[in-house]
């Protein structure tokens, strides 16, 4: 067995921003959590080179509400080896259009990565490790909702909470960021997303690659 069982994880918080990449000057969030952000939450609990997370569904448990505010951001990226950088001299005030009072149920599994999983690695070992860390509130790094300053509360999905918009079938969300494809040239991947009765169904990576004109 090289693929784990499916886990259901609840992630919520007072503020979230899943930034749309086409917005350059200001941060504007998608209206739902993106698959890459959901994967980031899971990797915050358990990250190992031997496993790769696959998000299958993201259920929206709270109504979509918006908030906007201004905050200071730096204009440049840090350069390795440059020690004389001063953030105070390279910052700008930008507007952020974010989500508030978000609540999601993430359904995901992981698979072993060929060439990185050792002979002592097996799926059951990592399943137990993830379940234990999730129950105890342990994490590899602090989980967040799109931006590092927007902390997430992550826990097992034990309640039967119903998604919002149960009566709405296949509400289009447009093109949503899926993840990056790393290779000779790194490129972003997008997929045509729908919110079906409050649930975003995430296609697998091979299907997304085909949609983006690549090969699985």
C-alpha atoms as a PDB file:
ATOM      1  CA  UNK A   1       0.000   0.000   0.000  1.00  0.00           C
ATOM      2  CA  UNK A   2       1.539   3.281  -1.132  1.00  0.00           C
ATOM      3  CA  UNK A   3      -1.432   5.603  -0.517  1.00  0.00           C
ATOM      4  CA  UNK A   4      -2.871   6.457   2.869  1.00  0.00           C
ATOM      5  CA  UNK A   5      -6.469   6.498   3.975  1.00  0.00           C
ATOM      6  CA  UNK A   6      -8.342   9.779   3.654  1.00  0.00           C
ATOM      7  CA  UNK A   7      -8.181  12.196   6.581  1.00  0.00           C
ATOM      8  CA  UNK A   8     -10.694  14.948   7.413  1.00  0.00           C
ATOM      9  CA  UNK A   9      -9.111  17.963   9.051  1.00  0.00           C
ATOM     10  CA  UNK A  10     -10.814  21.134  10.240  1.00  0.00           C
ATOM     11  CA  UNK A  11      -9.004  24.445   9.724  1.00  0.00           C
ATOM     12  CA  UNK A  12     -10.466  27.748  10.888  1.00  0.00           C
ATOM     13  CA  UNK A  13      -9.469  31.223  11.928  1.00  0.00           C
ATOM     14  CA  UNK A  14     -10.554  34.859  12.221  1.00  0.00           C
ATOM     15  CA  UNK A  15      -8.789  36.042   9.035  1.00  0.00           C
ATOM     16  CA  UNK A  16      -7.560  34.348   5.845  1.00  0.00           C
ATOM     17  CA  UNK A  17      -6.160  35.546   2.530  1.00  0.00           C
ATOM     18  CA  UNK A  18      -5.601  33.136  -0.364  1.00  0.00           C
ATOM     19  CA  UNK A  19      -4.106  35.688  -2.716  1.00  0.00           C
ATOM     20  CA  UNK A  20      -5.147  35.746  -6.360  1.00  0.00           C
ATOM     21  CA  UNK A  21      -1.895  35.796  -8.402  1.00  0.00           C
ATOM     22  CA  UNK A  22      -3.278  38.197 -11.007  1.00  0.00           C
ATOM     23  CA  UNK A  23      -3.515  40.935  -8.364  1.00  0.00           C
ATOM     24  CA  UNK A  24      -0.073  42.546  -8.363  1.00  0.00           C
ATOM     25  CA  UNK A  25      -0.303  45.750  -6.351  1.00  0.00           C
ATOM     26  CA  UNK A  26      -2.725  44.628  -3.640  1.00  0.00           C
ATOM     27  CA  UNK A  27      -3.694  41.340  -2.021  1.00  0.00           C
ATOM     28  CA  UNK A  28      -7.158  40.101  -2.965  1.00  0.00           C
ATOM     29  CA  UNK A  29      -8.246  36.689  -1.744  1.00  0.00           C
ATOM     30  CA  UNK A  30     -10.020  33.911  -3.583  1.00  0.00           C
ATOM     31  CA  UNK A  31     -13.400  33.310  -1.939  1.00  0.00           C
ATOM     32  CA  UNK A  32     -12.398  29.794  -0.865  1.00  0.00           C
ATOM     33  CA  UNK A  33      -9.221  28.124   0.338  1.00  0.00           C
ATOM     34  CA  UNK A  34      -6.971  26.959  -2.489  1.00  0.00           C
ATOM     35  CA  UNK A  35      -5.596  23.387  -2.711  1.00  0.00           C
ATOM     36  CA  UNK A  36      -2.030  24.619  -2.188  1.00  0.00           C
ATOM     37  CA  UNK A  37      -3.075  26.464   0.985  1.00  0.00           C
ATOM     38  CA  UNK A  38      -4.823  23.316   2.234  1.00  0.00           C
ATOM     39  CA  UNK A  39      -1.700  21.292   1.495  1.00  0.00           C
ATOM     40  CA  UNK A  40       0.303  23.868   3.443  1.00  0.00           C
ATOM     41  CA  UNK A  41      -1.931  23.348   6.482  1.00  0.00           C
ATOM     42  CA  UNK A  42      -1.389  19.578   6.315  1.00  0.00           C
ATOM     43  CA  UNK A  43       2.371  19.929   5.853  1.00  0.00           C
ATOM     44  CA  UNK A  44       2.444  22.203   8.894  1.00  0.00           C
ATOM     45  CA  UNK A  45       1.259  19.191  10.912  1.00  0.00           C
ATOM     46  CA  UNK A  46       3.408  16.574   9.190  1.00  0.00           C
ATOM     47  CA  UNK A  47       6.044  17.253   6.570  1.00  0.00           C
ATOM     48  CA  UNK A  48       8.384  14.508   5.411  1.00  0.00           C
ATOM     49  CA  UNK A  49      10.337  14.189   2.156  1.00  0.00           C
ATOM     50  CA  UNK A  50       9.007  10.634   1.857  1.00  0.00           C
ATOM     51  CA  UNK A  51       5.334  11.654   1.484  1.00  0.00           C
ATOM     52  CA  UNK A  52       3.312  13.927  -0.794  1.00  0.00           C
ATOM     53  CA  UNK A  53      -0.118  15.253   0.200  1.00  0.00           C
ATOM     54  CA  UNK A  54      -3.068  15.208  -2.204  1.00  0.00           C
ATOM     55  CA  UNK A  55      -6.102  17.343  -1.336  1.00  0.00           C
ATOM     56  CA  UNK A  56      -9.400  15.846  -2.556  1.00  0.00           C
ATOM     57  CA  UNK A  57     -12.092  18.150  -1.174  1.00  0.00           C
ATOM     58  CA  UNK A  58     -12.407  21.458   0.661  1.00  0.00           C
ATOM     59  CA  UNK A  59     -15.798  21.962   2.314  1.00  0.00           C
ATOM     60  CA  UNK A  60     -16.790  25.532   3.193  1.00  0.00           C
ATOM     61  CA  UNK A  61     -18.387  25.392   6.656  1.00  0.00           C
ATOM     62  CA  UNK A  62     -18.951  29.117   7.246  1.00  0.00           C
ATOM     63  CA  UNK A  63     -20.555  31.778   5.024  1.00  0.00           C
ATOM     64  CA  UNK A  64     -18.099  33.716   2.856  1.00  0.00           C
ATOM     65  CA  UNK A  65     -17.505  37.078   4.534  1.00  0.00           C
ATOM     66  CA  UNK A  66     -15.058  39.772   3.479  1.00  0.00           C
ATOM     67  CA  UNK A  67     -12.945  42.335   5.280  1.00  0.00           C
ATOM     68  CA  UNK A  68     -10.390  44.878   4.085  1.00  0.00           C
ATOM     69  CA  UNK A  69      -7.518  46.642   5.796  1.00  0.00           C
ATOM     70  CA  UNK A  70      -4.186  48.263   5.063  1.00  0.00           C
ATOM     71  CA  UNK A  71      -0.852  46.921   6.251  1.00  0.00           C
ATOM     72  CA  UNK A  72       2.846  47.435   5.684  1.00  0.00           C
ATOM     73  CA  UNK A  73       4.650  45.079   3.297  1.00  0.00           C
ATOM     74  CA  UNK A  74       8.207  45.057   2.001  1.00  0.00           C
ATOM     75  CA  UNK A  75       8.728  45.620  -1.723  1.00  0.00           C
ATOM     76  CA  UNK A  76      11.658  43.246  -2.253  1.00  0.00           C
ATOM     77  CA  UNK A  77      12.551  39.647  -1.553  1.00  0.00           C
ATOM     78  CA  UNK A  78      15.443  38.792   0.727  1.00  0.00           C
ATOM     79  CA  UNK A  79      18.699  38.093  -1.140  1.00  0.00           C
ATOM     80  CA  UNK A  80      20.946  35.322   0.139  1.00  0.00           C
ATOM     81  CA  UNK A  81      24.227  36.754   1.365  1.00  0.00           C
ATOM     82  CA  UNK A  82      22.988  40.343   1.544  1.00  0.00           C
ATOM     83  CA  UNK A  83      23.286  41.404   5.170  1.00  0.00           C
ATOM     84  CA  UNK A  84      22.662  45.147   4.938  1.00  0.00           C
ATOM     85  CA  UNK A  85      18.961  44.985   4.045  1.00  0.00           C
ATOM     86  CA  UNK A  86      16.697  47.343   6.029  1.00  0.00           C
ATOM     87  CA  UNK A  87      12.973  46.596   5.829  1.00  0.00           C
ATOM     88  CA  UNK A  88      12.070  50.043   7.196  1.00  0.00           C
ATOM     89  CA  UNK A  89      13.543  51.625   4.065  1.00  0.00           C
ATOM     90  CA  UNK A  90      11.795  49.263   1.620  1.00  0.00           C
ATOM     91  CA  UNK A  91       8.210  49.035   2.761  1.00  0.00           C
ATOM     92  CA  UNK A  92       4.904  50.237   1.390  1.00  0.00           C
ATOM     93  CA  UNK A  93       1.361  50.346   2.689  1.00  0.00           C
ATOM     94  CA  UNK A  94      -0.978  48.142   0.657  1.00  0.00           C
ATOM     95  CA  UNK A  95      -4.640  47.269   0.852  1.00  0.00           C
ATOM     96  CA  UNK A  96      -5.698  43.678   1.578  1.00  0.00           C
ATOM     97  CA  UNK A  97      -9.116  42.233   0.748  1.00  0.00           C
ATOM     98  CA  UNK A  98      -9.343  39.131   2.921  1.00  0.00           C
ATOM     99  CA  UNK A  99     -11.850  36.634   4.288  1.00  0.00           C
ATOM    100  CA  UNK A 100     -13.022  36.686   7.885  1.00  0.00           C
ATOM    101  CA  UNK A 101     -14.299  33.997  10.260  1.00  0.00           C
ATOM    102  CA  UNK A 102     -13.392  31.142   7.928  1.00  0.00           C
ATOM    103  CA  UNK A 103     -14.015  27.468   8.626  1.00  0.00           C
ATOM    104  CA  UNK A 104     -13.044  24.587   6.329  1.00  0.00           C
ATOM    105  CA  UNK A 105     -13.065  20.794   6.315  1.00  0.00           C
ATOM    106  CA  UNK A 106     -10.138  19.429   4.296  1.00  0.00           C
ATOM    107  CA  UNK A 107     -10.268  15.863   2.954  1.00  0.00           C
ATOM    108  CA  UNK A 108      -6.832  14.616   1.907  1.00  0.00           C
ATOM    109  CA  UNK A 109      -4.515  11.641   1.707  1.00  0.00           C
ATOM    110  CA  UNK A 110      -0.815  11.182   1.111  1.00  0.00           C
ATOM    111  CA  UNK A 111       1.297   8.835  -0.967  1.00  0.00           C
ATOM    112  CA  UNK A 112       4.867   7.662  -0.665  1.00  0.00           C
ATOM    113  CA  UNK A 113       7.346   9.409  -2.971  1.00  0.00           C
ATOM    114  CA  UNK A 114       9.410   7.054  -5.111  1.00  0.00           C
ATOM    115  CA  UNK A 115      13.110   7.536  -4.556  1.00  0.00           C
ATOM    116  CA  UNK A 116      12.647   9.433  -1.289  1.00  0.00           C
ATOM    117  CA  UNK A 117      10.882   6.847   0.868  1.00  0.00           C
ATOM    118  CA  UNK A 118      13.403   4.569   2.553  1.00  0.00           C
ATOM    119  CA  UNK A 119      13.042   0.824   3.204  1.00  0.00           C
ATOM    120  CA  UNK A 120      11.904   1.541   6.774  1.00  0.00           C
ATOM    121  CA  UNK A 121       9.153   3.925   5.610  1.00  0.00           C
ATOM    122  CA  UNK A 122       5.583   2.717   5.241  1.00  0.00           C
ATOM    123  CA  UNK A 123       2.169   4.323   4.982  1.00  0.00           C
ATOM    124  CA  UNK A 124       0.856   3.108   8.329  1.00  0.00           C
ATOM    125  CA  UNK A 125       3.780   4.645  10.193  1.00  0.00           C
ATOM    126  CA  UNK A 126       3.079   8.081   8.742  1.00  0.00           C
ATOM    127  CA  UNK A 127      -0.683   7.709   9.270  1.00  0.00           C
ATOM    128  CA  UNK A 128      -0.144   7.106  12.980  1.00  0.00           C
ATOM    129  CA  UNK A 129       2.357   9.927  13.174  1.00  0.00           C
ATOM    130  CA  UNK A 130      -0.071  12.393  11.558  1.00  0.00           C
ATOM    131  CA  UNK A 131      -3.021  11.319  13.717  1.00  0.00           C
ATOM    132  CA  UNK A 132      -0.948  11.593  16.884  1.00  0.00           C
ATOM    133  CA  UNK A 133       0.394  15.045  16.054  1.00  0.00           C
ATOM    134  CA  UNK A 134      -3.058  16.292  15.014  1.00  0.00           C
ATOM    135  CA  UNK A 135      -4.662  15.064  18.248  1.00  0.00           C
ATOM    136  CA  UNK A 136      -1.955  16.631  20.420  1.00  0.00           C
ATOM    137  CA  UNK A 137      -1.877  19.934  18.532  1.00  0.00           C
ATOM    138  CA  UNK A 138       1.755  19.447  17.489  1.00  0.00           C
ATOM    139  CA  UNK A 139       3.090  20.919  14.261  1.00  0.00           C
ATOM    140  CA  UNK A 140       6.198  21.133  12.122  1.00  0.00           C
ATOM    141  CA  UNK A 141       5.635  24.890  11.831  1.00  0.00           C
ATOM    142  CA  UNK A 142       2.681  27.057  12.846  1.00  0.00           C
ATOM    143  CA  UNK A 143      -0.229  26.471  10.407  1.00  0.00           C
ATOM    144  CA  UNK A 144      -1.672  29.522   8.687  1.00  0.00           C
ATOM    145  CA  UNK A 145      -4.440  30.524   6.293  1.00  0.00           C
ATOM    146  CA  UNK A 146      -2.764  31.877   3.186  1.00  0.00           C
ATOM    147  CA  UNK A 147      -0.434  34.380   4.899  1.00  0.00           C
ATOM    148  CA  UNK A 148       1.812  33.523   7.821  1.00  0.00           C
ATOM    149  CA  UNK A 149       0.331  36.203  10.060  1.00  0.00           C
ATOM    150  CA  UNK A 150      -3.162  34.662   9.728  1.00  0.00           C
ATOM    151  CA  UNK A 151      -2.902  31.771  12.178  1.00  0.00           C
ATOM    152  CA  UNK A 152      -5.072  28.683  11.752  1.00  0.00           C
ATOM    153  CA  UNK A 153      -6.643  26.475  14.372  1.00  0.00           C
ATOM    154  CA  UNK A 154      -6.295  22.910  13.080  1.00  0.00           C
ATOM    155  CA  UNK A 155      -7.953  19.849  14.612  1.00  0.00           C
ATOM    156  CA  UNK A 156      -9.556  16.528  13.677  1.00  0.00           C
ATOM    157  CA  UNK A 157     -12.955  16.831  12.015  1.00  0.00           C
ATOM    158  CA  UNK A 158     -15.086  15.081  14.627  1.00  0.00           C
ATOM    159  CA  UNK A 159     -18.324  17.051  14.328  1.00  0.00           C
ATOM    160  CA  UNK A 160     -20.802  16.543  11.516  1.00  0.00           C
ATOM    161  CA  UNK A 161     -20.832  20.171  10.362  1.00  0.00           C
ATOM    162  CA  UNK A 162     -22.751  20.759   7.153  1.00  0.00           C
ATOM    163  CA  UNK A 163     -21.243  22.901   4.389  1.00  0.00           C
ATOM    164  CA  UNK A 164     -22.873  26.183   3.433  1.00  0.00           C
ATOM    165  CA  UNK A 165     -24.842  26.633   0.186  1.00  0.00           C
ATOM    166  CA  UNK A 166     -26.150  23.062   0.228  1.00  0.00           C
ATOM    167  CA  UNK A 167     -28.881  23.981  -2.258  1.00  0.00           C
ATOM    168  CA  UNK A 168     -26.494  25.453  -4.861  1.00  0.00           C
ATOM    169  CA  UNK A 169     -25.080  23.035  -7.426  1.00  0.00           C
ATOM    170  CA  UNK A 170     -21.842  23.743  -9.307  1.00  0.00           C
ATOM    171  CA  UNK A 171     -21.413  27.427  -8.607  1.00  0.00           C
ATOM    172  CA  UNK A 172     -18.475  28.478 -10.828  1.00  0.00           C
ATOM    173  CA  UNK A 173     -15.435  29.993  -9.131  1.00  0.00           C
ATOM    174  CA  UNK A 174     -13.396  30.522 -12.311  1.00  0.00           C
ATOM    175  CA  UNK A 175      -9.764  29.542 -12.620  1.00  0.00           C
ATOM    176  CA  UNK A 176      -8.271  28.782  -9.200  1.00  0.00           C
ATOM    177  CA  UNK A 177      -4.591  28.306  -8.391  1.00  0.00           C
ATOM    178  CA  UNK A 178      -3.758  24.630  -7.833  1.00  0.00           C
ATOM    179  CA  UNK A 179      -0.012  24.476  -7.180  1.00  0.00           C
ATOM    180  CA  UNK A 180       3.348  24.947  -8.829  1.00  0.00           C
ATOM    181  CA  UNK A 181       4.900  22.526 -11.283  1.00  0.00           C
ATOM    182  CA  UNK A 182       8.627  22.327 -10.611  1.00  0.00           C
ATOM    183  CA  UNK A 183      10.982  21.375 -13.394  1.00  0.00           C
ATOM    184  CA  UNK A 184      13.321  23.075 -15.813  1.00  0.00           C
ATOM    185  CA  UNK A 185      11.008  26.075 -15.584  1.00  0.00           C
ATOM    186  CA  UNK A 186       8.676  26.526 -12.628  1.00  0.00           C
ATOM    187  CA  UNK A 187       5.129  27.415 -13.645  1.00  0.00           C
ATOM    188  CA  UNK A 188       1.795  27.846 -11.822  1.00  0.00           C
ATOM    189  CA  UNK A 189      -1.044  25.401 -12.446  1.00  0.00           C
ATOM    190  CA  UNK A 190      -4.729  26.378 -12.482  1.00  0.00           C
ATOM    191  CA  UNK A 191      -7.991  24.462 -12.746  1.00  0.00           C
ATOM    192  CA  UNK A 192     -11.616  25.319 -13.478  1.00  0.00           C
ATOM    193  CA  UNK A 193     -13.219  25.255 -10.034  1.00  0.00           C
ATOM    194  CA  UNK A 194     -16.806  24.849  -8.882  1.00  0.00           C
ATOM    195  CA  UNK A 195     -18.401  24.967  -5.464  1.00  0.00           C
ATOM    196  CA  UNK A 196     -20.836  22.047  -5.512  1.00  0.00           C
ATOM    197  CA  UNK A 197     -23.234  22.216  -2.555  1.00  0.00           C
ATOM    198  CA  UNK A 198     -20.580  23.965  -0.507  1.00  0.00           C
ATOM    199  CA  UNK A 199     -17.725  21.615  -1.460  1.00  0.00           C
ATOM    200  CA  UNK A 200     -14.767  22.334  -3.743  1.00  0.00           C
ATOM    201  CA  UNK A 201     -13.803  19.062  -5.438  1.00  0.00           C
ATOM    202  CA  UNK A 202     -10.086  19.105  -6.287  1.00  0.00           C
ATOM    203  CA  UNK A 203      -8.929  17.131  -9.352  1.00  0.00           C
ATOM    204  CA  UNK A 204      -5.793  15.032  -9.096  1.00  0.00           C
ATOM    205  CA  UNK A 205      -2.472  16.390 -10.321  1.00  0.00           C
ATOM    206  CA  UNK A 206      -2.444  14.416 -13.589  1.00  0.00           C
ATOM    207  CA  UNK A 207      -5.786  15.895 -14.613  1.00  0.00           C
ATOM    208  CA  UNK A 208      -4.633  19.429 -13.744  1.00  0.00           C
ATOM    209  CA  UNK A 209      -1.459  18.943 -15.787  1.00  0.00           C
ATOM    210  CA  UNK A 210      -3.558  17.933 -18.797  1.00  0.00           C
ATOM    211  CA  UNK A 211      -5.751  21.002 -18.343  1.00  0.00           C
ATOM    212  CA  UNK A 212      -2.605  23.148 -18.368  1.00  0.00           C
ATOM    213  CA  UNK A 213      -1.201  21.560 -21.512  1.00  0.00           C
ATOM    214  CA  UNK A 214       1.375  19.368 -19.756  1.00  0.00           C
ATOM    215  CA  UNK A 215       2.010  15.676 -19.399  1.00  0.00           C
ATOM    216  CA  UNK A 216       1.304  13.727 -16.164  1.00  0.00           C
END
